[in-house]
Amino acid sequence: MFKWIGLILGFLLLSTMSVGLLFLGVIGAIIGLLMGGFADRIRSFGIGGANPFTNKTRQAVFLETAFVLMGKLAKADGRISQVEVDHVEAFIKKLGMSGEHRQEAIRQFQRGA
């Protein structure tokens, strides 16, 4: 809800604030939207715009998304080939995953498939 408020306020302020911006028209409106988005980001994450999630959480979300997406892409043509499985295994090895982490990656891949 608040995100939209910032975008709308930015749009309105920069598209109507001065005669100079009125001449910009759509470009002024786009600049306003961008500034409103930045204002929302600052309000949400602080001046530095830092993400509130820990590195561990971001890494877990990335890996889950990557393996689910790999599963979806592998299954897109109807069946998962051995070459596709080999690519996923190579990616797991490249990341240095073993044990429980490897099993979780495989579960996420299967979830996507």
Protein backbone atom coordinates (compact mmCIF):
# COMPACT_ATOMS: atom_id res chain seq x y z
CA MET A 1 0.00 0.00 0.00
CA PHE A 2 2.68 2.49 1.04
CA LYS A 3 4.76 1.66 -2.02
CA TRP A 4 1.97 2.86 -4.26
CA ILE A 5 1.57 6.04 -2.23
CA GLY A 6 5.22 6.95 -2.80
CA LEU A 7 4.97 6.23 -6.51
CA ILE A 8 1.77 8.24 -6.90
CA LEU A 9 3.13 11.17 -4.89
CA GLY A 10 6.33 11.19 -6.93
CA PHE A 11 4.33 11.07 -10.14
CA LEU A 12 2.08 13.94 -9.10
CA LEU A 13 4.83 16.11 -7.63
CA LEU A 14 7.22 15.92 -10.52
CA SER A 15 4.62 16.05 -13.26
CA THR A 16 2.93 19.19 -11.87
CA MET A 17 5.48 20.85 -9.54
CA SER A 18 6.70 23.53 -11.92
CA VAL A 19 6.27 24.84 -15.41
CA GLY A 20 9.63 23.32 -16.41
CA LEU A 21 8.47 19.86 -15.46
CA LEU A 22 5.14 20.37 -17.20
CA PHE A 23 7.12 20.79 -20.41
CA LEU A 24 8.69 17.39 -19.78
CA GLY A 25 5.27 15.75 -19.70
CA VAL A 26 5.64 11.97 -19.72
CA ILE A 27 9.37 12.16 -19.01
CA GLY A 28 8.65 14.29 -15.94
CA ALA A 29 6.06 11.75 -14.83
CA ILE A 30 8.56 8.90 -15.25
CA ILE A 31 11.18 10.82 -13.28
CA GLY A 32 8.53 11.37 -10.61
CA LEU A 33 7.76 7.66 -10.47
CA LEU A 34 11.44 6.85 -10.09
CA MET A 35 11.90 9.40 -7.32
CA GLY A 36 8.80 8.11 -5.54
CA GLY A 37 10.19 4.58 -5.79
CA PHE A 38 13.51 5.75 -4.34
CA ALA A 39 11.64 7.49 -1.51
CA ASP A 40 9.82 4.24 -0.73
CA ARG A 41 13.08 2.30 -0.75
CA ILE A 42 14.71 4.78 1.61
CA ARG A 43 11.71 4.62 3.93
CA SER A 44 11.70 0.81 3.84
CA PHE A 45 15.42 0.06 4.07
CA GLY A 46 17.01 3.28 5.33
CA ILE A 47 19.29 5.76 3.60
CA GLY A 48 21.80 3.12 2.52
CA GLY A 49 19.01 1.08 0.95
CA ALA A 50 20.37 -2.05 2.59
CA ASN A 51 18.28 -5.16 2.36
CA PRO A 52 17.08 -6.24 5.82
CA PHE A 53 17.68 -9.93 5.11
CA THR A 54 20.86 -11.65 6.25
CA ASN A 55 23.33 -13.03 3.74
CA LYS A 56 22.32 -16.55 4.76
CA THR A 57 18.65 -15.82 4.05
CA ARG A 58 19.42 -14.19 0.69
CA GLN A 59 21.61 -17.14 -0.28
CA ALA A 60 18.92 -19.65 0.70
CA VAL A 61 16.26 -17.80 -1.31
CA PHE A 62 18.57 -17.54 -4.32
CA LEU A 63 19.46 -21.24 -4.27
CA GLU A 64 15.86 -22.35 -3.78
CA THR A 65 14.73 -20.15 -6.67
CA ALA A 66 17.59 -21.31 -8.90
CA PHE A 67 16.95 -25.02 -8.39
CA VAL A 68 13.16 -24.75 -8.69
CA LEU A 69 13.63 -22.75 -11.90
CA MET A 70 16.11 -25.31 -13.25
CA GLY A 71 13.53 -28.01 -12.57
CA LYS A 72 10.82 -26.04 -14.39
CA LEU A 73 13.08 -25.39 -17.38
CA ALA A 74 14.22 -29.01 -17.55
CA LYS A 75 10.60 -30.20 -17.54
CA ALA A 76 9.41 -27.58 -20.05
CA ASP A 77 9.80 -29.92 -23.03
CA GLY A 78 7.87 -32.70 -21.31
CA ARG A 79 10.69 -34.81 -19.91
CA ILE A 80 13.94 -34.29 -18.06
CA SER A 81 16.94 -35.58 -20.01
CA GLN A 82 20.08 -37.06 -18.51
CA VAL A 83 22.06 -34.12 -19.93
CA GLU A 84 19.89 -31.72 -17.91
CA VAL A 85 20.38 -33.78 -14.76
CA ASP A 86 24.14 -33.81 -15.42
CA HIS A 87 24.15 -30.01 -15.70
CA VAL A 88 22.36 -29.68 -12.37
CA GLU A 89 24.80 -32.12 -10.76
CA ALA A 90 27.73 -30.14 -12.19
CA PHE A 91 26.25 -26.92 -10.77
CA ILE A 92 25.86 -28.57 -7.36
CA LYS A 93 29.51 -29.69 -7.48
CA LYS A 94 30.66 -26.25 -8.62
CA LEU A 95 28.91 -24.72 -5.61
CA GLY A 96 30.67 -27.24 -3.37
CA MET A 97 27.42 -28.65 -2.01
CA SER A 98 27.46 -31.96 -0.23
CA GLY A 99 25.35 -33.91 2.20
CA GLU A 100 22.19 -32.20 3.37
CA HIS A 101 22.69 -29.13 1.15
CA ARG A 102 22.96 -31.34 -1.92
CA GLN A 103 19.82 -33.26 -0.94
CA GLU A 104 17.93 -29.99 -0.43
CA ALA A 105 19.04 -28.76 -3.87
CA ILE A 106 17.78 -31.99 -5.43
CA ARG A 107 14.46 -31.66 -3.58
CA GLN A 108 14.05 -28.12 -4.90
CA PHE A 109 14.88 -29.26 -8.44
CA GLN A 110 12.28 -32.04 -8.15
CA ARG A 111 9.77 -29.56 -6.75
CA GLY A 112 10.23 -27.47 -9.89
CA ALA A 113 9.89 -30.48 -12.15
